[in-house]
Amino acid sequence: MSKFEVQEYTLCDGWTNNWSHEQDGQYIPTQFDSVEDAESALREFFYDEREALADGLIEDVPDEDQFRIVEV
């Protein structure tokens, strides 16, 4: 079965999965069961970032063009 991940473009590593979650005391890369789940998580991420910007917690929101969803 296919998995999907959100990747971010970085200058040092190119496209990479920077999202992780803790499982049994270890951090493992986050993968999603469907592209729709990954899209939903990415939309939620940008919503949270815009809220943080509005609240003055961050100075800028990441550029959406620096993120993509890929099948792995």
C-alpha atoms as a PDB file:
ATOM      1  CA  MET A   1       0.000   0.000   0.000  1.00  0.00           C
ATOM      2  CA  SER A   2       1.283   3.471  -0.915  1.00  0.00           C
ATOM      3  CA  LYS A   3       2.236   6.051   1.675  1.00  0.00           C
ATOM      4  CA  PHE A   4       2.507   9.803   1.222  1.00  0.00           C
ATOM      5  CA  GLU A   5       4.605  12.426   2.925  1.00  0.00           C
ATOM      6  CA  VAL A   6       4.862  16.185   3.074  1.00  0.00           C
ATOM      7  CA  GLN A   7       8.270  17.350   1.924  1.00  0.00           C
ATOM      8  CA  GLU A   8       9.849  20.772   2.319  1.00  0.00           C
ATOM      9  CA  TYR A   9      12.551  22.197   0.067  1.00  0.00           C
ATOM     10  CA  THR A  10      15.707  23.077   2.001  1.00  0.00           C
ATOM     11  CA  LEU A  11      18.903  24.643   0.677  1.00  0.00           C
ATOM     12  CA  CYS A  12      21.135  21.999   2.243  1.00  0.00           C
ATOM     13  CA  ASP A  13      19.144  18.821   1.591  1.00  0.00           C
ATOM     14  CA  GLY A  14      16.763  19.643  -1.263  1.00  0.00           C
ATOM     15  CA  TRP A  15      13.326  18.038  -0.860  1.00  0.00           C
ATOM     16  CA  THR A  16      13.070  16.300   2.506  1.00  0.00           C
ATOM     17  CA  ASN A  17      10.461  15.116   4.983  1.00  0.00           C
ATOM     18  CA  ASN A  18      10.905  17.345   8.039  1.00  0.00           C
ATOM     19  CA  TRP A  19       7.711  16.168   9.738  1.00  0.00           C
ATOM     20  CA  SER A  20       8.010  13.550  12.461  1.00  0.00           C
ATOM     21  CA  HIS A  21       6.115  12.150  15.400  1.00  0.00           C
ATOM     22  CA  GLU A  22       7.135  10.337  18.541  1.00  0.00           C
ATOM     23  CA  GLN A  23       6.551   6.623  18.834  1.00  0.00           C
ATOM     24  CA  ASP A  24       7.983   4.515  21.646  1.00  0.00           C
ATOM     25  CA  GLY A  25      10.405   7.285  22.586  1.00  0.00           C
ATOM     26  CA  GLN A  26      11.763   7.675  19.050  1.00  0.00           C
ATOM     27  CA  TYR A  27      10.984  10.260  16.405  1.00  0.00           C
ATOM     28  CA  ILE A  28      10.013   8.752  13.082  1.00  0.00           C
ATOM     29  CA  PRO A  29       9.131  10.505   9.802  1.00  0.00           C
ATOM     30  CA  THR A  30       5.415  11.181   9.436  1.00  0.00           C
ATOM     31  CA  GLN A  31       3.723   9.419   6.525  1.00  0.00           C
ATOM     32  CA  PHE A  32       0.067   9.401   5.549  1.00  0.00           C
ATOM     33  CA  ASP A  33      -2.167   6.642   4.181  1.00  0.00           C
ATOM     34  CA  SER A  34      -3.673   8.878   1.482  1.00  0.00           C
ATOM     35  CA  VAL A  35      -2.845  12.026  -0.422  1.00  0.00           C
ATOM     36  CA  GLU A  36      -6.028  13.543   1.024  1.00  0.00           C
ATOM     37  CA  ASP A  37      -4.758  12.996   4.580  1.00  0.00           C
ATOM     38  CA  ALA A  38      -1.446  14.638   3.679  1.00  0.00           C
ATOM     39  CA  GLU A  39      -3.232  17.571   2.015  1.00  0.00           C
ATOM     40  CA  SER A  40      -5.419  18.032   5.090  1.00  0.00           C
ATOM     41  CA  ALA A  41      -2.393  18.053   7.392  1.00  0.00           C
ATOM     42  CA  LEU A  42      -0.617  20.569   5.174  1.00  0.00           C
ATOM     43  CA  ARG A  43      -3.684  22.849   5.105  1.00  0.00           C
ATOM     44  CA  GLU A  44      -3.862  22.640   8.911  1.00  0.00           C
ATOM     45  CA  PHE A  45      -0.162  23.480   9.150  1.00  0.00           C
ATOM     46  CA  PHE A  46      -0.597  26.647   7.073  1.00  0.00           C
ATOM     47  CA  TYR A  47      -3.717  27.622   9.015  1.00  0.00           C
ATOM     48  CA  ASP A  48      -1.772  27.286  12.273  1.00  0.00           C
ATOM     49  CA  GLU A  49       1.124  29.295  10.809  1.00  0.00           C
ATOM     50  CA  ARG A  50      -1.206  32.144   9.734  1.00  0.00           C
ATOM     51  CA  GLU A  51      -2.777  32.145  13.212  1.00  0.00           C
ATOM     52  CA  ALA A  52       0.667  32.315  14.826  1.00  0.00           C
ATOM     53  CA  LEU A  53       1.570  35.224  12.537  1.00  0.00           C
ATOM     54  CA  ALA A  54      -1.643  37.067  13.461  1.00  0.00           C
ATOM     55  CA  ASP A  55      -0.902  36.482  17.152  1.00  0.00           C
ATOM     56  CA  GLY A  56       2.617  37.881  16.747  1.00  0.00           C
ATOM     57  CA  LEU A  57       4.290  34.587  17.603  1.00  0.00           C
ATOM     58  CA  ILE A  58       6.212  34.318  14.334  1.00  0.00           C
ATOM     59  CA  GLU A  59       7.484  36.913  11.849  1.00  0.00           C
ATOM     60  CA  ASP A  60       6.605  35.159   8.595  1.00  0.00           C
ATOM     61  CA  VAL A  61       4.662  32.227   7.161  1.00  0.00           C
ATOM     62  CA  PRO A  62       6.612  29.710   5.060  1.00  0.00           C
ATOM     63  CA  ASP A  63       6.109  29.877   1.296  1.00  0.00           C
ATOM     64  CA  GLU A  64       3.610  27.227   0.205  1.00  0.00           C
ATOM     65  CA  ASP A  65       5.697  26.601  -2.943  1.00  0.00           C
ATOM     66  CA  GLN A  66       8.417  25.140  -0.736  1.00  0.00           C
ATOM     67  CA  PHE A  67       6.187  22.217   0.233  1.00  0.00           C
ATOM     68  CA  ARG A  68       4.971  19.250  -1.767  1.00  0.00           C
ATOM     69  CA  ILE A  69       3.239  15.926  -1.221  1.00  0.00           C
ATOM     70  CA  VAL A  70       4.853  12.847  -2.707  1.00  0.00           C
ATOM     71  CA  GLU A  71       4.141   9.146  -2.804  1.00  0.00           C
ATOM     72  CA  VAL A  72       6.835   7.082  -1.129  1.00  0.00           C
END
